N, C-alpha and C. Protein backbone atom coordinates (compact mmCIF):
# COMPACT_ATOMS: atom_id res chain seq x y z
N MET A 1 12.87 -9.78 4.64
CA MET A 1 12.35 -11.10 4.35
C MET A 1 10.88 -11.20 4.74
N LEU A 2 10.55 -10.81 5.97
CA LEU A 2 9.17 -10.86 6.43
C LEU A 2 8.31 -9.87 5.66
N TYR A 3 8.88 -8.72 5.33
CA TYR A 3 8.16 -7.70 4.58
C TYR A 3 7.76 -8.23 3.21
N GLY A 4 8.66 -8.92 2.54
CA GLY A 4 8.37 -9.51 1.23
C GLY A 4 7.31 -10.60 1.31
N LEU A 5 7.36 -11.39 2.38
CA LEU A 5 6.35 -12.45 2.57
C LEU A 5 4.97 -11.85 2.78
N ILE A 6 4.88 -10.78 3.57
CA ILE A 6 3.59 -10.13 3.81
C ILE A 6 3.06 -9.53 2.51
N ILE A 7 3.94 -8.95 1.70
CA ILE A 7 3.51 -8.38 0.41
C ILE A 7 3.00 -9.49 -0.51
N ALA A 8 3.68 -10.64 -0.53
CA ALA A 8 3.23 -11.76 -1.37
C ALA A 8 1.85 -12.26 -0.92
N ILE A 9 1.65 -12.39 0.39
CA ILE A 9 0.34 -12.81 0.90
C ILE A 9 -0.72 -11.78 0.55
N HIS A 10 -0.37 -10.50 0.64
CA HIS A 10 -1.30 -9.42 0.32
C HIS A 10 -1.73 -9.47 -1.15
N VAL A 11 -0.78 -9.69 -2.04
CA VAL A 11 -1.09 -9.76 -3.48
C VAL A 11 -1.97 -10.97 -3.77
N ILE A 12 -1.64 -12.11 -3.18
CA ILE A 12 -2.45 -13.32 -3.41
C ILE A 12 -3.86 -13.13 -2.86
N ALA A 13 -3.98 -12.55 -1.67
CA ALA A 13 -5.30 -12.32 -1.08
C ALA A 13 -6.13 -11.36 -1.93
N SER A 14 -5.48 -10.35 -2.48
CA SER A 14 -6.23 -9.41 -3.31
C SER A 14 -6.69 -10.06 -4.61
N LEU A 15 -5.86 -10.90 -5.21
CA LEU A 15 -6.28 -11.59 -6.44
C LEU A 15 -7.41 -12.58 -6.17
N VAL A 16 -7.33 -13.29 -5.06
CA VAL A 16 -8.40 -14.23 -4.70
C VAL A 16 -9.69 -13.46 -4.42
N LEU A 17 -9.58 -12.34 -3.73
CA LEU A 17 -10.76 -11.52 -3.44
C LEU A 17 -11.41 -11.02 -4.72
N ILE A 18 -10.61 -10.58 -5.67
CA ILE A 18 -11.16 -10.12 -6.95
C ILE A 18 -11.87 -11.27 -7.67
N ALA A 19 -11.23 -12.44 -7.72
CA ALA A 19 -11.82 -13.59 -8.42
C ALA A 19 -13.12 -14.05 -7.76
N VAL A 20 -13.14 -14.10 -6.43
CA VAL A 20 -14.33 -14.58 -5.73
C VAL A 20 -15.49 -13.60 -5.91
N ILE A 21 -15.19 -12.32 -5.87
CA ILE A 21 -16.26 -11.33 -6.06
C ILE A 21 -16.81 -11.39 -7.48
N LEU A 22 -15.94 -11.59 -8.46
CA LEU A 22 -16.42 -11.67 -9.84
C LEU A 22 -17.21 -12.95 -10.11
N LEU A 23 -16.94 -14.01 -9.39
CA LEU A 23 -17.67 -15.26 -9.61
C LEU A 23 -19.06 -15.26 -8.99
N GLN A 24 -19.29 -14.41 -8.02
CA GLN A 24 -20.60 -14.38 -7.37
C GLN A 24 -21.66 -13.86 -8.33
N ALA A 25 -22.81 -14.46 -8.24
CA ALA A 25 -23.93 -14.04 -9.09
C ALA A 25 -24.64 -12.87 -8.41
N GLY A 26 -24.65 -11.76 -9.07
CA GLY A 26 -25.35 -10.60 -8.54
C GLY A 26 -26.69 -10.45 -9.22
N ARG A 27 -27.13 -9.23 -9.35
CA ARG A 27 -28.43 -8.99 -10.02
C ARG A 27 -28.37 -9.36 -11.50
N GLY A 28 -27.23 -9.04 -12.11
CA GLY A 28 -27.10 -9.33 -13.54
C GLY A 28 -26.53 -10.69 -13.83
N GLY A 29 -26.26 -11.48 -12.82
CA GLY A 29 -25.72 -12.81 -13.05
C GLY A 29 -24.23 -12.89 -12.78
N GLY A 30 -23.51 -11.80 -12.84
CA GLY A 30 -22.09 -11.79 -12.56
C GLY A 30 -21.29 -12.42 -13.68
N LEU A 31 -20.04 -12.61 -13.43
CA LEU A 31 -19.15 -13.19 -14.42
C LEU A 31 -19.43 -14.68 -14.58
N SER A 32 -20.06 -15.29 -13.59
CA SER A 32 -20.37 -16.72 -13.68
C SER A 32 -21.36 -17.02 -14.80
N GLU A 33 -22.24 -16.08 -15.10
CA GLU A 33 -23.20 -16.27 -16.19
C GLU A 33 -22.50 -16.26 -17.56
N THR A 34 -21.39 -15.60 -17.65
CA THR A 34 -20.67 -15.53 -18.92
C THR A 34 -20.10 -16.89 -19.30
N PHE A 35 -19.73 -17.68 -18.30
CA PHE A 35 -19.10 -18.97 -18.56
C PHE A 35 -20.08 -20.13 -18.61
N GLY A 36 -21.31 -19.89 -18.85
CA GLY A 36 -22.24 -20.98 -19.06
C GLY A 36 -23.29 -21.14 -17.99
N GLY A 37 -23.55 -20.12 -17.26
CA GLY A 37 -24.67 -20.18 -16.32
C GLY A 37 -24.36 -20.87 -15.03
N SER A 38 -24.50 -22.18 -15.00
CA SER A 38 -24.37 -22.90 -13.73
C SER A 38 -23.01 -23.58 -13.59
N SER A 39 -21.99 -23.06 -14.24
CA SER A 39 -20.68 -23.70 -14.15
C SER A 39 -20.09 -23.59 -12.75
N THR A 40 -20.44 -22.54 -12.01
CA THR A 40 -19.92 -22.43 -10.64
C THR A 40 -20.58 -23.45 -9.73
N GLN A 41 -21.82 -23.84 -10.03
CA GLN A 41 -22.47 -24.86 -9.20
C GLN A 41 -21.81 -26.22 -9.40
N THR A 42 -21.43 -26.55 -10.61
CA THR A 42 -20.75 -27.82 -10.84
C THR A 42 -19.31 -27.77 -10.35
N LEU A 43 -18.72 -26.60 -10.33
CA LEU A 43 -17.34 -26.46 -9.90
C LEU A 43 -17.21 -26.55 -8.38
N PHE A 44 -18.11 -25.89 -7.65
CA PHE A 44 -18.02 -25.83 -6.19
C PHE A 44 -19.07 -26.68 -5.48
N GLY A 45 -19.91 -27.36 -6.18
CA GLY A 45 -20.93 -28.19 -5.56
C GLY A 45 -22.26 -27.46 -5.48
N THR A 46 -23.18 -28.00 -4.67
CA THR A 46 -24.52 -27.43 -4.60
C THR A 46 -24.59 -26.21 -3.68
N LYS A 47 -23.65 -26.07 -2.78
CA LYS A 47 -23.67 -24.94 -1.85
C LYS A 47 -22.71 -23.84 -2.32
N THR A 48 -22.89 -23.43 -3.55
CA THR A 48 -22.00 -22.45 -4.15
C THR A 48 -22.05 -21.11 -3.45
N SER A 49 -23.24 -20.62 -3.18
CA SER A 49 -23.35 -19.30 -2.58
C SER A 49 -22.74 -19.26 -1.19
N LEU A 50 -22.88 -20.34 -0.43
CA LEU A 50 -22.29 -20.41 0.90
C LEU A 50 -20.77 -20.42 0.82
N PHE A 51 -20.23 -21.21 -0.12
CA PHE A 51 -18.78 -21.28 -0.30
C PHE A 51 -18.22 -19.93 -0.73
N LEU A 52 -18.87 -19.28 -1.70
CA LEU A 52 -18.37 -17.99 -2.19
C LEU A 52 -18.48 -16.91 -1.12
N THR A 53 -19.52 -16.96 -0.31
CA THR A 53 -19.67 -15.99 0.78
C THR A 53 -18.56 -16.16 1.81
N ARG A 54 -18.27 -17.39 2.17
CA ARG A 54 -17.20 -17.65 3.15
C ARG A 54 -15.83 -17.32 2.56
N ALA A 55 -15.62 -17.64 1.30
CA ALA A 55 -14.34 -17.32 0.65
C ALA A 55 -14.14 -15.81 0.56
N THR A 56 -15.22 -15.08 0.28
CA THR A 56 -15.13 -13.63 0.23
C THR A 56 -14.79 -13.06 1.60
N ALA A 57 -15.44 -13.55 2.63
CA ALA A 57 -15.18 -13.06 3.98
C ALA A 57 -13.75 -13.38 4.42
N ALA A 58 -13.30 -14.60 4.15
CA ALA A 58 -11.95 -14.99 4.56
C ALA A 58 -10.88 -14.18 3.83
N SER A 59 -11.05 -14.03 2.52
CA SER A 59 -10.04 -13.26 1.77
C SER A 59 -10.09 -11.78 2.12
N ALA A 60 -11.26 -11.25 2.45
CA ALA A 60 -11.35 -9.85 2.87
C ALA A 60 -10.66 -9.64 4.21
N ILE A 61 -10.83 -10.59 5.14
CA ILE A 61 -10.17 -10.48 6.45
C ILE A 61 -8.65 -10.56 6.29
N ILE A 62 -8.17 -11.48 5.47
CA ILE A 62 -6.73 -11.60 5.22
C ILE A 62 -6.21 -10.32 4.56
N TYR A 63 -6.97 -9.77 3.62
CA TYR A 63 -6.56 -8.56 2.93
C TYR A 63 -6.45 -7.38 3.92
N ILE A 64 -7.42 -7.23 4.79
CA ILE A 64 -7.40 -6.12 5.75
C ILE A 64 -6.26 -6.29 6.74
N LEU A 65 -6.04 -7.52 7.22
CA LEU A 65 -4.94 -7.76 8.16
C LEU A 65 -3.58 -7.48 7.53
N THR A 66 -3.40 -7.88 6.27
CA THR A 66 -2.12 -7.60 5.62
C THR A 66 -1.96 -6.11 5.35
N CYS A 67 -3.06 -5.41 5.05
CA CYS A 67 -2.98 -3.95 4.88
C CYS A 67 -2.51 -3.28 6.17
N LEU A 68 -3.10 -3.66 7.29
CA LEU A 68 -2.71 -3.07 8.57
C LEU A 68 -1.28 -3.44 8.94
N THR A 69 -0.89 -4.68 8.71
CA THR A 69 0.47 -5.11 9.02
C THR A 69 1.49 -4.36 8.17
N LEU A 70 1.20 -4.20 6.89
CA LEU A 70 2.12 -3.46 6.02
C LEU A 70 2.19 -1.98 6.40
N ALA A 71 1.10 -1.42 6.84
CA ALA A 71 1.11 -0.02 7.27
C ALA A 71 1.98 0.17 8.50
N VAL A 72 1.87 -0.75 9.46
CA VAL A 72 2.68 -0.66 10.67
C VAL A 72 4.15 -0.89 10.35
N MET A 73 4.42 -1.90 9.53
CA MET A 73 5.81 -2.20 9.18
C MET A 73 6.45 -1.07 8.38
N THR A 74 5.71 -0.45 7.50
CA THR A 74 6.24 0.66 6.72
C THR A 74 6.46 1.87 7.60
N GLY A 75 5.59 2.09 8.57
CA GLY A 75 5.76 3.21 9.48
C GLY A 75 7.01 3.10 10.31
N HIS A 76 7.34 1.88 10.74
CA HIS A 76 8.55 1.67 11.52
C HIS A 76 9.79 1.65 10.65
N ARG A 77 9.61 1.25 9.43
CA ARG A 77 10.74 1.07 8.52
C ARG A 77 11.13 2.36 7.82
N GLY A 78 10.17 3.10 7.34
CA GLY A 78 10.45 4.27 6.53
C GLY A 78 10.72 5.50 7.36
N ARG A 79 11.94 5.89 7.42
CA ARG A 79 12.32 7.13 8.09
C ARG A 79 12.85 8.09 7.03
N SER A 80 12.70 9.33 7.31
CA SER A 80 13.15 10.35 6.38
C SER A 80 14.67 10.39 6.34
N LEU A 81 15.23 10.65 5.18
CA LEU A 81 16.67 10.79 5.07
C LEU A 81 17.17 12.02 5.82
N VAL A 82 16.33 13.02 5.92
CA VAL A 82 16.70 14.23 6.65
C VAL A 82 16.84 13.93 8.13
N MET A 83 15.98 13.06 8.65
CA MET A 83 16.04 12.72 10.07
C MET A 83 17.21 11.80 10.39
N GLN A 84 17.70 11.03 9.42
CA GLN A 84 18.77 10.08 9.67
C GLN A 84 20.13 10.76 9.77
N SER A 85 20.40 11.74 8.95
CA SER A 85 21.70 12.40 8.99
C SER A 85 21.50 13.88 9.26
N PRO A 86 22.28 14.42 10.19
CA PRO A 86 22.14 15.85 10.48
C PRO A 86 22.65 16.69 9.33
N MET A 87 21.94 17.76 9.07
CA MET A 87 22.33 18.65 7.97
C MET A 87 23.35 19.65 8.48
N THR A 88 24.37 19.87 7.70
CA THR A 88 25.35 20.90 8.02
C THR A 88 25.26 21.98 6.97
N ALA A 89 25.26 23.21 7.44
CA ALA A 89 25.15 24.34 6.52
C ALA A 89 26.51 24.61 5.88
N PRO A 90 26.54 24.86 4.59
CA PRO A 90 27.82 25.16 3.95
C PRO A 90 28.35 26.52 4.44
N ILE A 91 29.64 26.59 4.57
CA ILE A 91 30.27 27.83 5.04
C ILE A 91 30.78 28.59 3.82
N ALA A 92 30.26 29.78 3.63
CA ALA A 92 30.68 30.62 2.51
C ALA A 92 31.86 31.47 2.96
N GLN A 93 32.84 31.62 2.10
CA GLN A 93 34.02 32.42 2.45
C GLN A 93 34.02 33.69 1.62
N GLN A 94 34.49 34.75 2.24
CA GLN A 94 34.60 36.03 1.54
C GLN A 94 36.06 36.42 1.47
N GLY A 95 36.74 35.97 0.48
CA GLY A 95 38.14 36.35 0.26
C GLY A 95 38.99 36.17 1.51
N ALA A 96 39.70 37.22 1.92
CA ALA A 96 40.59 37.17 3.08
C ALA A 96 39.88 37.61 4.36
N ALA A 97 38.62 38.01 4.27
CA ALA A 97 37.90 38.52 5.44
C ALA A 97 37.47 37.42 6.38
N GLY A 98 37.51 36.16 5.97
CA GLY A 98 37.07 35.07 6.86
C GLY A 98 35.74 34.52 6.39
N THR A 99 34.97 34.07 7.32
CA THR A 99 33.69 33.48 6.96
C THR A 99 32.60 34.54 6.94
N ALA A 100 31.62 34.31 6.13
CA ALA A 100 30.51 35.25 6.00
C ALA A 100 29.49 34.98 7.09
N GLN A 101 28.81 36.02 7.53
CA GLN A 101 27.75 35.89 8.51
C GLN A 101 26.46 35.54 7.78
N PRO A 102 25.64 34.65 8.33
CA PRO A 102 24.37 34.33 7.66
C PRO A 102 23.46 35.54 7.65
N VAL A 103 22.77 35.73 6.52
CA VAL A 103 21.88 36.87 6.35
C VAL A 103 20.45 36.35 6.27
N SER A 104 19.59 36.86 7.09
CA SER A 104 18.19 36.48 7.06
C SER A 104 17.52 37.10 5.86
N PRO A 105 16.60 36.42 5.18
CA PRO A 105 15.92 37.01 4.03
C PRO A 105 15.03 38.19 4.43
N PHE A 106 14.77 38.33 5.70
CA PHE A 106 13.91 39.43 6.16
C PHE A 106 14.70 40.62 6.69
N SER A 107 16.03 40.52 6.67
CA SER A 107 16.83 41.64 7.17
C SER A 107 17.00 42.69 6.09
N GLU A 108 17.49 43.83 6.49
CA GLU A 108 17.67 44.95 5.55
C GLU A 108 18.84 44.73 4.63
N ASP A 109 19.78 43.84 5.02
CA ASP A 109 20.97 43.61 4.21
C ASP A 109 20.75 42.58 3.10
N ALA A 110 19.60 41.93 3.09
CA ALA A 110 19.34 40.90 2.10
C ALA A 110 19.14 41.52 0.73
N GLU A 111 19.74 40.87 -0.29
CA GLU A 111 19.63 41.33 -1.67
C GLU A 111 18.69 40.41 -2.44
N PHE A 112 17.87 41.02 -3.29
CA PHE A 112 16.94 40.21 -4.07
C PHE A 112 17.18 40.40 -5.52
């Protein structure tokens, strides 16, 4: 339950981070220039650059915290299937002679 909530917050933070970065005006004007030039100023008020800078910082911090939280949770959660159940070697039988002795691949009796 908590793992799913953290993933949902992570996805939302990443989408917000992408949107805020694309709305910022860079050297070429950014995506904001495509929608009519000063539409972000009328949308967010006169302090657009300050708002977008703070929104970028906040969403980046949330994104990094959720990344670290998911890494820790996955590390504690994900265990190897080999480590969970002990492996038992199959016992090969040789007719009426009983069980076969294991043969090392480096011994002289090994067949290739």
